[in-house]
Amino acid sequence: MRLLFITITLALTAACSGAANGGNAARSPSPKPAQSPLPVYGYEVVNTYPHDPKAFTEGLFYHDGFLYESTGEKGQSQLRKVELETGKVVQKWDLPREDFGEGISMIGDKIYMLTWQQGLGRVFDAKDFKLLKEFSYVGEGWGMTTDGTFLYLTQGTHVIKVMDPETFKTVRTIPVMREDGRPLMQINELEWIKGELWSNIWHSEQRDILGKPNYIARIDPTTGKLLGWIDLGGISPDDQPKSDDPYDPKAENTLNGIAYDAAKDRIFVTGKNWKKLFEIKLTPPKNQ
């Protein structure tokens, strides 16, 4: 009986201890401290260059003194090599009329280009724009850049895909969330700048996206964490609509196109059907 009594006592003690621990585990977690506001950088225009106002810019990068640009719209989509100072197209490849061109990037001596809704990509020789091969991918094609090894693709969602440029298989995905925890949707044209992904947000002025016009996101490519914003509000008012009217002929003239000259540390930006391309430098965060 004594043994039984001791056993029961120990069991009850353990049960009470377990209940106490369980009670602690079930408590609501302490609220997380509010996230500090992300830095919002401003800009200063260093130089202004001409840009073809008929170019519905989808992709942009800089290489060896030239801009390389892809344009959209069916029947108008092209891969282009462009003189920076004059805006003159010195080389081009016309996509089939049914294609809607999207983002481009370059690894080694090859240029990679996406299309919008066909799931079709192409690889070109960077010197003569000779078509080398075609590849497929799941989902839409929007923006693209590279870290020199992998391709980074956007598809209109909050997820960036990392793709092997040889097999065209997805290596990993990078979800990007806003400061309030919601997905950052409509991530568009990308550029790799000093170890960061910089991204245009298509129609960032829309309230359900950001409610802030002409915003660029700075993203950690390892974690997808937002590192800050760049506010380019007012950079090219003549190229953009004056109101939210969806029937405005300039309604789709959104900021789109980021290029980086690593050798001279220069940043270039433009937009769809803009008459100008801007070289900018960032100014200190407005909220710090």
Foldseek 3Di string as FASTA:
>chain_A
DVVVVVVVVVVVVVVVVVVVVVVVVPDDDDDDPQDDDFFEWEKDFPDKAFAFLQFQWAEWADDDQWIWTFGFDAPPTKTFTAHGRHNDTPAIDDDHRRWTWHAWEDADQWIKTFTFAPQKIWIAGNPHRHTDDMDGDPATFFAWYDPNAWIWTDHFQQKIFTAGPPVRDTPDIAGAADSVRHGQGQFGYWYQDPQWIKTDRQPCCDPVHPVAAPKIWTARPVHNYTNHIYHCPPVAVVQADPDCPCPPPSNRFGWHYWYADVVVGWIWTGTGSGRMITIMDIDGGPVD
